[in-house]
Amino acid sequence: MHSVKLYALGVLLLLGACDQVKTETSVVPDLQLANLETLYLHRNQLTGSIPPEIGQLANLEWLSLGTNQLNGSISAEIGQLTKLKELYLDNNQLNGVIPPEIGQLAKLERLYLYSNQLTGSIPSEIGQLANLTRLHLDGNQLTGSIPSEIGQLAKLEWLNLRDNKLN
C-alpha cells in the first residue's frame, strides 16, 4: 500500500472523495477548483503538509482532511476560506500553533482539530466565530488559559478541550 503525498493543491486530484486510496498520485498542473464547495479527503493516508494554496479555494464550505498522516503547521491562509462552515483536520500529526486567522472564518460552525500535536495557547480570535456549534481541540499539547472569548460563543453546543496542558 502506497501513501499519498500532499505536495501542493494540484496533487489533491480530488481522489474520488473515497476512503482508503491505495494508489500513488501524479501532479496535475493547473487544476481549476475555483467553484469547489466540498473537499472530502478523510482517511486517505495523505502525508506531508497542508499547502498554503488551500486558501485559494474561495468557495469552499466543507473541508475534511481528518484521519490522515499530515504534519506541519496549519497555515495562516486557512483564514482566507471565509465561506467555510465545517473544518476537519483531526487525527493527524499537525504541530505548531492554531493560527489566529482562524477567527476570520465567520461562517464556521464546526471546528475539529483534535488528536494532533498542536502547541501554544488557544487563540482568543476563536471568540469571533459566532456561528460555532462544535469546538474540538482535545488531545493536543495546548497550554495557557482558556480564553474568556470562548464564553461569548452563544451557539456553542459542544466544547472538548480534554487531554491538553491548559490551566
Foldseek 3Di string as FASTA:
>chain_A
DDAEECPDPQQPVLLVLDAADDDYTDGDPPDDQQQPAERRPEHHQYEEEYHLCVLNNQNHAYYAPEQHAYEEEDDLSVLSNQNHAEDHHYNYAYEEADDLSVLSNQNHAEDHHAQYAYEEADDLSVLSNQNHAEDHHAHYAYEEEDHCSVVNNPNHNYYHHPHYHYD
